[in-house]
Structures are given as C-alpha cells and as structure tokens.
Protein backbone atom coordinates (compact mmCIF):
# COMPACT_ATOMS: atom_id res chain seq x y z
CA UNK A 1 -10.14 0.56 14.12
CA UNK A 2 -10.95 0.21 17.78
CA UNK A 3 -13.25 -2.79 18.90
CA UNK A 4 -12.27 -4.59 16.31
CA UNK A 5 -9.77 -7.46 18.00
CA UNK A 6 -7.00 -6.70 15.28
CA UNK A 7 -3.34 -8.00 17.40
CA UNK A 8 0.08 -5.81 16.99
CA UNK A 9 2.03 -8.13 16.40
CA UNK A 10 6.31 -7.19 16.47
CA UNK A 11 8.16 -6.69 12.29
CA UNK A 12 9.74 -10.02 13.20
CA UNK A 13 5.96 -12.40 12.90
CA UNK A 14 7.01 -11.43 9.69
CA UNK A 15 10.47 -12.51 8.82
CA UNK A 16 8.91 -15.68 11.20
CA UNK A 17 6.05 -16.89 9.30
CA UNK A 18 6.41 -15.11 6.12
CA UNK A 19 3.59 -14.85 4.27
CA UNK A 20 2.90 -14.49 0.52
CA UNK A 21 1.54 -11.38 0.66
CA UNK A 22 1.06 -9.20 3.07
CA UNK A 23 -1.65 -6.20 3.52
CA UNK A 24 -0.65 -2.78 4.66
CA UNK A 25 -2.98 -0.63 5.38
CA UNK A 26 -0.82 2.25 6.87
CA UNK A 27 0.48 3.31 3.09
CA UNK A 28 1.14 7.05 4.28
CA UNK A 29 4.07 5.02 5.52
CA UNK A 30 4.48 2.46 3.07
CA UNK A 31 8.53 3.59 2.09
CA UNK A 32 9.90 3.47 5.43
CA UNK A 33 8.00 -0.03 6.15
CA UNK A 34 9.34 -1.38 2.97
CA UNK A 35 12.65 -0.25 3.63
CA UNK A 36 12.13 -1.91 7.32
CA UNK A 37 11.02 -4.50 6.05
CA UNK A 38 14.25 -5.42 3.35
CA UNK A 39 15.09 -8.82 5.29
CA UNK A 40 11.24 -10.01 4.51
CA UNK A 41 11.03 -8.38 1.07
CA UNK A 42 14.44 -10.23 -0.30
CA UNK A 43 13.16 -13.11 0.65
CA UNK A 44 10.06 -13.36 -1.72
CA UNK A 45 7.72 -11.29 0.73
CA UNK A 46 5.08 -9.02 -1.30
CA UNK A 47 3.06 -6.79 0.65
CA UNK A 48 -0.79 -5.88 -0.67
CA UNK A 49 -1.00 -1.31 -0.77
CA UNK A 50 -4.44 -0.40 -1.40
CA UNK A 51 -4.25 2.92 -2.11
CA UNK A 52 -3.98 5.56 -3.35
CA UNK A 53 -4.92 2.57 -5.67
CA UNK A 54 -4.18 -0.87 -5.30
CA UNK A 55 -1.23 -2.83 -6.34
CA UNK A 56 1.35 -5.18 -5.01
CA UNK A 57 4.48 -4.22 -4.04
CA UNK A 58 7.57 -7.28 -5.71
CA UNK A 59 10.59 -8.27 -3.08
CA UNK A 60 12.36 -6.52 -6.31
CA UNK A 61 10.30 -3.10 -6.81
CA UNK A 62 12.17 0.19 -6.32
CA UNK A 63 9.68 2.18 -4.13
CA UNK A 64 10.36 5.59 -3.33
CA UNK A 65 8.81 7.90 -0.29
CA UNK A 66 6.54 9.63 -2.87
CA UNK A 67 5.20 6.59 -5.05
CA UNK A 68 2.45 6.47 -2.04
CA UNK A 69 2.16 10.49 -1.58
CA UNK A 70 -1.61 11.30 -1.84
CA UNK A 71 -2.38 14.93 -3.30
CA UNK A 72 -6.42 16.68 -3.91
CA UNK A 73 -5.88 16.79 -7.26
CA UNK A 74 -4.59 12.87 -7.29
CA UNK A 75 -8.23 12.50 -5.20
CA UNK A 76 -10.23 14.25 -7.08
CA UNK A 77 -11.56 12.14 -10.57
CA UNK A 78 -12.77 13.86 -13.15
CA UNK A 79 -16.00 14.72 -14.14
CA UNK A 80 -17.53 14.58 -17.77
CA UNK A 81 -18.30 16.52 -19.26
CA UNK A 82 -21.93 17.97 -20.20
CA UNK A 83 -23.28 17.40 -23.48
CA UNK A 84 -24.85 19.82 -25.03
CA UNK A 85 -26.54 17.60 -26.75
CA UNK A 86 -30.09 16.38 -26.53
CA UNK A 87 -31.31 13.01 -27.68
C-alpha cells in the first residue's frame, strides 16, 4: 500500500534473519515464493498465508500451485435458506 513506508528487502534477508514466521501477503504467488524460499523453509522457516483462508505453511508441507487458487465459487459464502416457518 503506497505511503506506508513498508520496506522491500532482498529475499536473502529471510535466510540471514531466519524469523520463525513470515507473513506472505502475495498469496496468489505463494507456490512460487515457497519454491524460491526452499532454503529458509528447510531451516525451519514457516509462512503465514492469510488468503483465501488463513493457514500456516510448515517447513515440510508440500504445496502446489493450485493450493491457493481462488475461484468465484470459493469466495462466495453460502447463504442460509430462509425459514418458511414463522415464530
């Protein structure tokens, strides 16, 4: 988001600082990022992916490109049927 002064750093910083958890906001590129960060993950690094549903990707989790795919069907929440009975 513009104007928030969120630093953009080189991906190698994950390996250097080795945080326990990393928030991954580019969920639509999660498969690619997880592949690129194999070294961080193999050293115990975990990712929090908040979309489409919050989850933590553990170091040994196998994740393919379709794991985070979102369709219009999954984005829509089912609506409860209207009750025909009156109270």
